[in-house]
PDB file of N, CA and C in Angstrom:
ATOM      1  N   MET A   1      67.310 -14.045  84.461  1.00  0.00           N
ATOM      2  CA  MET A   1      65.634 -14.104  83.886  1.00  0.00           C
ATOM      3  C   MET A   1      64.642 -14.753  84.272  1.00  0.00           C
ATOM      4  N   CYS A   2      65.877 -16.407  84.250  1.00  0.00           N
ATOM      5  CA  CYS A   2      65.012 -17.768  84.533  1.00  0.00           C
ATOM      6  C   CYS A   2      64.821 -18.144  85.378  1.00  0.00           C
ATOM      7  N   ARG A   3      64.520 -17.227  86.984  1.00  0.00           N
ATOM      8  CA  ARG A   3      64.359 -17.609  88.221  1.00  0.00           C
ATOM      9  C   ARG A   3      63.670 -19.107  88.560  1.00  0.00           C
ATOM     10  N   SER A   4      62.812 -19.123  87.788  1.00  0.00           N
ATOM     11  CA  SER A   4      61.806 -20.711  88.062  1.00  0.00           C
ATOM     12  C   SER A   4      62.772 -21.925  87.569  1.00  0.00           C
ATOM     13  N   ILE A   5      63.407 -21.421  86.552  1.00  0.00           N
ATOM     14  CA  ILE A   5      63.711 -22.711  86.163  1.00  0.00           C
ATOM     15  C   ILE A   5      64.784 -23.801  87.338  1.00  0.00           C
ATOM     16  N   LYS A   6      64.357 -24.911  87.558  1.00  0.00           N
ATOM     17  CA  LYS A   6      65.111 -25.942  87.975  1.00  0.00           C
ATOM     18  C   LYS A   6      66.429 -26.499  88.289  1.00  0.00           C
ATOM     19  N   VAL A   7      66.898 -26.653  88.671  1.00  0.00           N
ATOM     20  CA  VAL A   7      68.435 -27.604  88.545  1.00  0.00           C
ATOM     21  C   VAL A   7      68.490 -28.649  87.826  1.00  0.00           C
ATOM     22  N   LEU A   8      68.485 -29.088  86.568  1.00  0.00           N
ATOM     23  CA  LEU A   8      67.958 -30.703  85.895  1.00  0.00           C
ATOM     24  C   LEU A   8      69.206 -31.585  86.465  1.00  0.00           C
ATOM     25  N   ARG A   9      70.259 -30.835  86.483  1.00  0.00           N
ATOM     26  CA  ARG A   9      71.220 -32.088  86.997  1.00  0.00           C
ATOM     27  C   ARG A   9      72.370 -32.328  87.633  1.00  0.00           C
ATOM     28  N   ARG A  10      72.307 -33.090  88.711  1.00  0.00           N
ATOM     29  CA  ARG A  10      73.279 -32.982  90.073  1.00  0.00           C
ATOM     30  C   ARG A  10      74.124 -34.013  89.171  1.00  0.00           C
ATOM     31  N   ALA A  11      75.085 -33.678  90.381  1.00  0.00           N
ATOM     32  CA  ALA A  11      76.615 -35.246  90.378  1.00  0.00           C
ATOM     33  C   ALA A  11      75.518 -36.484  90.598  1.00  0.00           C
ATOM     34  N   GLY A  12      75.719 -37.550  89.698  1.00  0.00           N
ATOM     35  CA  GLY A  12      75.450 -38.779  89.930  1.00  0.00           C
ATOM     36  C   GLY A  12      73.977 -38.927  89.455  1.00  0.00           C
ATOM     37  N   GLU A  13      72.781 -38.463  88.882  1.00  0.00           N
ATOM     38  CA  GLU A  13      71.798 -37.946  88.634  1.00  0.00           C
ATOM     39  C   GLU A  13      72.086 -37.950  87.376  1.00  0.00           C
ATOM     40  N   VAL A  14      70.676 -38.457  86.596  1.00  0.00           N
ATOM     41  CA  VAL A  14      70.809 -38.828  84.920  1.00  0.00           C
ATOM     42  C   VAL A  14      69.312 -38.003  84.476  1.00  0.00           C
ATOM     43  N   VAL A  15      69.455 -36.650  83.518  1.00  0.00           N
ATOM     44  CA  VAL A  15      68.382 -36.410  83.174  1.00  0.00           C
ATOM     45  C   VAL A  15      67.627 -37.142  82.445  1.00  0.00           C
ATOM     46  N   THR A  16      66.061 -37.481  82.236  1.00  0.00           N
ATOM     47  CA  THR A  16      65.913 -37.793  81.341  1.00  0.00           C
ATOM     48  C   THR A  16      65.340 -37.247  79.886  1.00  0.00           C
ATOM     49  N   PRO A  17      64.789 -37.669  78.718  1.00  0.00           N
ATOM     50  CA  PRO A  17      64.723 -36.795  77.829  1.00  0.00           C
ATOM     51  C   PRO A  17      63.801 -35.881  77.460  1.00  0.00           C
ATOM     52  N   GLU A  18      62.394 -35.949  78.091  1.00  0.00           N
ATOM     53  CA  GLU A  18      61.382 -35.596  79.306  1.00  0.00           C
ATOM     54  C   GLU A  18      61.665 -34.841  79.942  1.00  0.00           C
ATOM     55  N   GLU A  19      62.448 -34.884  81.145  1.00  0.00           N
ATOM     56  CA  GLU A  19      62.786 -33.623  81.634  1.00  0.00           C
ATOM     57  C   GLU A  19      63.399 -32.743  80.932  1.00  0.00           C
ATOM     58  N   LEU A  20      64.803 -32.566  80.022  1.00  0.00           N
ATOM     59  CA  LEU A  20      65.289 -32.294  78.687  1.00  0.00           C
ATOM     60  C   LEU A  20      64.122 -31.563  78.056  1.00  0.00           C
ATOM     61  N   ASP A  21      63.338 -31.984  77.460  1.00  0.00           N
ATOM     62  CA  ASP A  21      62.125 -31.715  76.213  1.00  0.00           C
ATOM     63  C   ASP A  21      61.562 -30.249  77.868  1.00  0.00           C
ATOM     64  N   ALA A  22      61.212 -30.256  78.361  1.00  0.00           N
ATOM     65  CA  ALA A  22      60.115 -29.257  79.295  1.00  0.00           C
ATOM     66  C   ALA A  22      61.103 -28.495  79.550  1.00  0.00           C
ATOM     67  N   ALA A  23      62.194 -28.500  80.195  1.00  0.00           N
ATOM     68  CA  ALA A  23      63.438 -27.161  81.274  1.00  0.00           C
ATOM     69  C   ALA A  23      63.368 -26.836  79.294  1.00  0.00           C
ATOM     70  N   ALA A  24      63.402 -27.692  78.013  1.00  0.00           N
ATOM     71  CA  ALA A  24      63.960 -26.603  76.417  1.00  0.00           C
ATOM     72  C   ALA A  24      62.325 -25.689  76.847  1.00  0.00           C
ATOM     73  N   LEU A  25      61.175 -25.999  76.541  1.00  0.00           N
ATOM     74  CA  LEU A  25      59.848 -25.783  76.070  1.00  0.00           C
ATOM     75  C   LEU A  25      59.659 -24.323  76.672  1.00  0.00           C
ATOM     76  N   GLN A  26      59.714 -24.716  77.941  1.00  0.00           N
ATOM     77  CA  GLN A  26      60.318 -23.663  79.264  1.00  0.00           C
ATOM     78  C   GLN A  26      60.951 -22.665  78.839  1.00  0.00           C
ATOM     79  N   PHE A  27      62.508 -22.712  78.584  1.00  0.00           N
ATOM     80  CA  PHE A  27      63.098 -21.668  78.095  1.00  0.00           C
ATOM     81  C   PHE A  27      62.690 -21.279  76.954  1.00  0.00           C
ATOM     82  N   VAL A  28      62.126 -21.913  75.522  1.00  0.00           N
ATOM     83  CA  VAL A  28      61.426 -20.533  74.580  1.00  0.00           C
ATOM     84  C   VAL A  28      60.744 -19.988  74.791  1.00  0.00           C
ATOM     85  N   ARG A  29      59.750 -20.989  75.610  1.00  0.00           N
ATOM     86  CA  ARG A  29      58.303 -19.863  76.313  1.00  0.00           C
ATOM     87  C   ARG A  29      59.212 -18.563  76.785  1.00  0.00           C
ATOM     88  N   LYS A  30      60.349 -18.728  77.154  1.00  0.00           N
ATOM     89  CA  LYS A  30      60.670 -17.493  78.964  1.00  0.00           C
ATOM     90  C   LYS A  30      61.453 -16.565  77.620  1.00  0.00           C
ATOM     91  N   ILE A  31      62.045 -17.104  76.235  1.00  0.00           N
ATOM     92  CA  ILE A  31      62.997 -15.782  75.548  1.00  0.00           C
ATOM     93  C   ILE A  31      61.714 -15.793  74.580  1.00  0.00           C
ATOM     94  N   SER A  32      60.865 -16.116  74.079  1.00  0.00           N
ATOM     95  CA  SER A  32      59.586 -16.120  73.236  1.00  0.00           C
ATOM     96  C   SER A  32      58.753 -14.870  73.772  1.00  0.00           C
ATOM     97  N   GLY A  33      58.451 -14.996  75.113  1.00  0.00           N
ATOM     98  CA  GLY A  33      57.774 -14.262  75.363  1.00  0.00           C
ATOM     99  C   GLY A  33      55.914 -14.941  75.373  1.00  0.00           C
ATOM    100  N   THR A  34      55.898 -15.842  74.869  1.00  0.00           N
ATOM    101  CA  THR A  34      54.350 -16.578  74.598  1.00  0.00           C
ATOM    102  C   THR A  34      54.706 -18.052  75.441  1.00  0.00           C
ATOM    103  N   ARG A  35      53.539 -18.541  76.115  1.00  0.00           N
ATOM    104  CA  ARG A  35      53.189 -19.439  75.813  1.00  0.00           C
ATOM    105  C   ARG A  35      53.356 -20.510  74.876  1.00  0.00           C
ATOM    106  N   LYS A  36      52.019 -19.590  74.074  1.00  0.00           N
ATOM    107  CA  LYS A  36      51.504 -20.904  72.805  1.00  0.00           C
ATOM    108  C   LYS A  36      51.348 -19.691  71.938  1.00  0.00           C
ATOM    109  N   PRO A  37      52.721 -20.144  70.604  1.00  0.00           N
ATOM    110  CA  PRO A  37      52.603 -19.275  70.088  1.00  0.00           C
ATOM    111  C   PRO A  37      51.618 -19.412  68.690  1.00  0.00           C
ATOM    112  N   SER A  38      51.454 -18.396  67.428  1.00  0.00           N
ATOM    113  CA  SER A  38      50.339 -18.504  67.185  1.00  0.00           C
ATOM    114  C   SER A  38      50.784 -19.481  65.639  1.00  0.00           C
ATOM    115  N   LYS A  39      49.654 -19.756  64.890  1.00  0.00           N
ATOM    116  CA  LYS A  39      49.709 -20.572  64.668  1.00  0.00           C
ATOM    117  C   LYS A  39      50.770 -20.609  63.335  1.00  0.00           C
ATOM    118  N   VAL A  40      51.135 -19.482  62.547  1.00  0.00           N
ATOM    119  CA  VAL A  40      51.995 -19.141  61.979  1.00  0.00           C
ATOM    120  C   VAL A  40      53.410 -18.991  62.484  1.00  0.00           C
ATOM    121  N   ASN A  41      53.804 -19.284  63.557  1.00  0.00           N
ATOM    122  CA  ASN A  41      55.176 -19.267  64.317  1.00  0.00           C
ATOM    123  C   ASN A  41      55.126 -20.363  65.008  1.00  0.00           C
ATOM    124  N   GLN A  42      54.483 -21.472  65.398  1.00  0.00           N
ATOM    125  CA  GLN A  42      54.153 -23.086  65.898  1.00  0.00           C
ATOM    126  C   GLN A  42      55.708 -23.360  65.055  1.00  0.00           C
ATOM    127  N   ALA A  43      55.159 -23.285  63.765  1.00  0.00           N
ATOM    128  CA  ALA A  43      57.090 -24.352  63.635  1.00  0.00           C
ATOM    129  C   ALA A  43      58.623 -23.849  63.939  1.00  0.00           C
ATOM    130  N   ALA A  44      58.110 -22.409  64.146  1.00  0.00           N
ATOM    131  CA  ALA A  44      59.489 -22.383  64.800  1.00  0.00           C
ATOM    132  C   ALA A  44      59.569 -22.618  66.053  1.00  0.00           C
ATOM    133  N   PHE A  45      58.448 -22.043  67.067  1.00  0.00           N
ATOM    134  CA  PHE A  45      58.158 -22.021  68.020  1.00  0.00           C
ATOM    135  C   PHE A  45      59.339 -23.965  68.165  1.00  0.00           C
ATOM    136  N   ASP A  46      58.288 -25.107  67.568  1.00  0.00           N
ATOM    137  CA  ASP A  46      58.872 -26.254  68.223  1.00  0.00           C
ATOM    138  C   ASP A  46      60.153 -26.520  67.301  1.00  0.00           C
ATOM    139  N   ARG A  47      60.366 -26.047  66.234  1.00  0.00           N
ATOM    140  CA  ARG A  47      62.443 -26.185  66.502  1.00  0.00           C
ATOM    141  C   ARG A  47      63.164 -25.226  67.109  1.00  0.00           C
ATOM    142  N   GLY A  48      62.290 -24.549  67.486  1.00  0.00           N
ATOM    143  CA  GLY A  48      63.594 -23.904  68.713  1.00  0.00           C
ATOM    144  C   GLY A  48      63.727 -25.309  70.035  1.00  0.00           C
ATOM    145  N   VAL A  49      62.320 -25.699  70.124  1.00  0.00           N
ATOM    146  CA  VAL A  49      62.153 -26.328  71.643  1.00  0.00           C
ATOM    147  C   VAL A  49      63.545 -27.642  70.840  1.00  0.00           C
ATOM    148  N   ARG A  50      63.193 -28.284  70.351  1.00  0.00           N
ATOM    149  CA  ARG A  50      63.903 -29.321  70.087  1.00  0.00           C
ATOM    150  C   ARG A  50      65.271 -29.436  69.845  1.00  0.00           C
ATOM    151  N   GLU A  51      65.505 -27.669  68.873  1.00  0.00           N
ATOM    152  CA  GLU A  51      67.004 -27.322  68.718  1.00  0.00           C
ATOM    153  C   GLU A  51      67.745 -27.290  70.862  1.00  0.00           C
ATOM    154  N   VAL A  52      66.762 -26.641  71.705  1.00  0.00           N
ATOM    155  CA  VAL A  52      67.282 -26.101  72.750  1.00  0.00           C
ATOM    156  C   VAL A  52      67.371 -27.634  73.554  1.00  0.00           C
ATOM    157  N   SER A  53      66.736 -28.722  73.379  1.00  0.00           N
ATOM    158  CA  SER A  53      66.844 -29.862  74.162  1.00  0.00           C
ATOM    159  C   SER A  53      67.671 -30.187  73.734  1.00  0.00           C
ATOM    160  N   GLU A  54      68.326 -30.584  72.332  1.00  0.00           N
ATOM    161  CA  GLU A  54      69.062 -31.380  71.888  1.00  0.00           C
ATOM    162  C   GLU A  54      70.858 -30.874  72.270  1.00  0.00           C
ATOM    163  N   ALA A  55      70.492 -29.627  72.096  1.00  0.00           N
ATOM    164  CA  ALA A  55      71.954 -28.934  72.560  1.00  0.00           C
ATOM    165  C   ALA A  55      71.962 -29.092  74.363  1.00  0.00           C
ATOM    166  N   SER A  56      71.432 -28.650  74.921  1.00  0.00           N
ATOM    167  CA  SER A  56      70.851 -29.035  76.034  1.00  0.00           C
ATOM    168  C   SER A  56      71.755 -30.821  76.508  1.00  0.00           C
ATOM    169  N   ARG A  57      71.404 -31.940  75.307  1.00  0.00           N
ATOM    170  CA  ARG A  57      71.767 -32.991  75.848  1.00  0.00           C
ATOM    171  C   ARG A  57      73.536 -32.856  75.433  1.00  0.00           C
ATOM    172  N   LYS A  58      73.131 -32.490  74.589  1.00  0.00           N
ATOM    173  CA  LYS A  58      75.056 -32.108  73.923  1.00  0.00           C
ATOM    174  C   LYS A  58      75.922 -32.198  75.115  1.00  0.00           C
ATOM    175  N   LEU A  59      75.257 -30.855  76.045  1.00  0.00           N
ATOM    176  CA  LEU A  59      75.721 -29.809  76.965  1.00  0.00           C
ATOM    177  C   LEU A  59      76.395 -31.158  78.189  1.00  0.00           C
ATOM    178  N   LEU A  60      75.396 -31.549  78.712  1.00  0.00           N
ATOM    179  CA  LEU A  60      75.581 -32.703  79.402  1.00  0.00           C
ATOM    180  C   LEU A  60      76.338 -33.835  79.254  1.00  0.00           C
ATOM    181  N   GLU A  61      76.313 -34.383  78.349  1.00  0.00           N
ATOM    182  CA  GLU A  61      76.907 -35.398  77.515  1.00  0.00           C
ATOM    183  C   GLU A  61      78.767 -35.064  78.210  1.00  0.00           C
ATOM    184  N   SER A  62      78.506 -34.038  77.180  1.00  0.00           N
ATOM    185  CA  SER A  62      79.682 -34.030  76.993  1.00  0.00           C
ATOM    186  C   SER A  62      80.903 -33.622  79.335  1.00  0.00           C
ATOM    187  N   MET A  63      80.210 -32.404  79.514  1.00  0.00           N
ATOM    188  CA  MET A  63      80.421 -32.584  81.125  1.00  0.00           C
ATOM    189  C   MET A  63      80.611 -33.780  81.820  1.00  0.00           C
ATOM    190  N   ASP A  64      82.190 -33.744  82.608  1.00  0.00           N
ATOM    191  CA  ASP A  64      82.767 -33.925  83.143  1.00  0.00           C
ATOM    192  C   ASP A  64      81.642 -33.841  84.067  1.00  0.00           C
ATOM    193  N   THR A  65      81.321 -35.353  85.006  1.00  0.00           N
ATOM    194  CA  THR A  65      80.865 -35.370  86.109  1.00  0.00           C
ATOM    195  C   THR A  65      81.298 -36.171  87.210  1.00  0.00           C
ATOM    196  N   ARG A  66      83.109 -35.841  87.353  1.00  0.00           N
ATOM    197  CA  ARG A  66      83.325 -36.350  88.806  1.00  0.00           C
ATOM    198  C   ARG A  66      83.700 -35.259  89.791  1.00  0.00           C
ATOM    199  N   PRO A  67      83.606 -35.417  90.895  1.00  0.00           N
ATOM    200  CA  PRO A  67      83.745 -34.238  91.626  1.00  0.00           C
ATOM    201  C   PRO A  67      84.790 -33.815  91.611  1.00  0.00           C
ATOM    202  N   ALA A  68      84.913 -32.444  91.670  1.00  0.00           N
ATOM    203  CA  ALA A  68      85.365 -31.510  91.615  1.00  0.00           C
ATOM    204  C   ALA A  68      86.444 -32.057  92.332  1.00  0.00           C
ATOM    205  N   LYS A  69      88.422 -31.839  92.410  1.00  0.00           N
ATOM    206  CA  LYS A  69      89.555 -31.464  93.679  1.00  0.00           C
ATOM    207  C   LYS A  69      89.151 -30.895  94.190  1.00  0.00           C
ATOM    208  N   PRO A  70      89.475 -31.294  96.047  1.00  0.00           N
ATOM    209  CA  PRO A  70      89.217 -30.209  97.029  1.00  0.00           C
ATOM    210  C   PRO A  70      91.321 -28.792  96.070  1.00  0.00           C
ATOM    211  N   ARG A  71      90.254 -27.925  96.878  1.00  0.00           N
ATOM    212  CA  ARG A  71      91.457 -27.203  96.167  1.00  0.00           C
ATOM    213  C   ARG A  71      92.214 -27.303  97.260  1.00  0.00           C
ATOM    214  N   SER A  72      93.882 -26.963  97.334  1.00  0.00           N
ATOM    215  CA  SER A  72      94.959 -27.069  97.989  1.00  0.00           C
ATOM    216  C   SER A  72      95.003 -25.453  98.966  1.00  0.00           C
ATOM    217  N   ILE A  73      95.392 -25.158  99.824  1.00  0.00           N
ATOM    218  CA  ILE A  73      95.550 -24.079 100.571  1.00  0.00           C
ATOM    219  C   ILE A  73      96.912 -23.568 100.052  1.00  0.00           C
ATOM    220  N   SER A  74      97.514 -22.491  99.919  1.00  0.00           N
ATOM    221  CA  SER A  74      98.424 -22.259  99.687  1.00  0.00           C
ATOM    222  C   SER A  74      99.486 -21.639 100.869  1.00  0.00           C
ATOM    223  N   PRO A  75     100.766 -21.759 100.971  1.00  0.00           N
ATOM    224  CA  PRO A  75     101.079 -21.303 102.280  1.00  0.00           C
ATOM    225  C   PRO A  75     100.975 -19.629 102.015  1.00  0.00           C
ATOM    226  N   ALA A  76     101.388 -18.569 101.084  1.00  0.00           N
ATOM    227  CA  ALA A  76     100.971 -17.703 100.285  1.00  0.00           C
ATOM    228  C   ALA A  76     100.252 -16.859 100.716  1.00  0.00           C
ATOM    229  N   THR A  77      98.608 -17.842 101.443  1.00  0.00           N
ATOM    230  CA  THR A  77      97.463 -17.540 101.432  1.00  0.00           C
ATOM    231  C   THR A  77      96.646 -17.389 102.560  1.00  0.00           C
ATOM    232  N   ILE A  78      97.814 -18.171 103.426  1.00  0.00           N
ATOM    233  CA  ILE A  78      97.294 -18.095 105.184  1.00  0.00           C
ATOM    234  C   ILE A  78      98.065 -16.789 105.764  1.00  0.00           C
TER     235      ILE A  78
END
């Protein structure tokens, strides 16, 4: 669906509030099907951007940022 949305966070990197807001705006534009909502829909559009940004911030804050442990190979898979 959103092939042009870039990865915001890699291990050890911090995402800025501006990057979160920009990604949220891009997502809301994509799912709403409009780049610029009508005056009637502007409040709902802006609320959607704020809520997506906040949900994204909470997600990133709750994720474990430690590197994954290497998987060991069991003798049965060799």
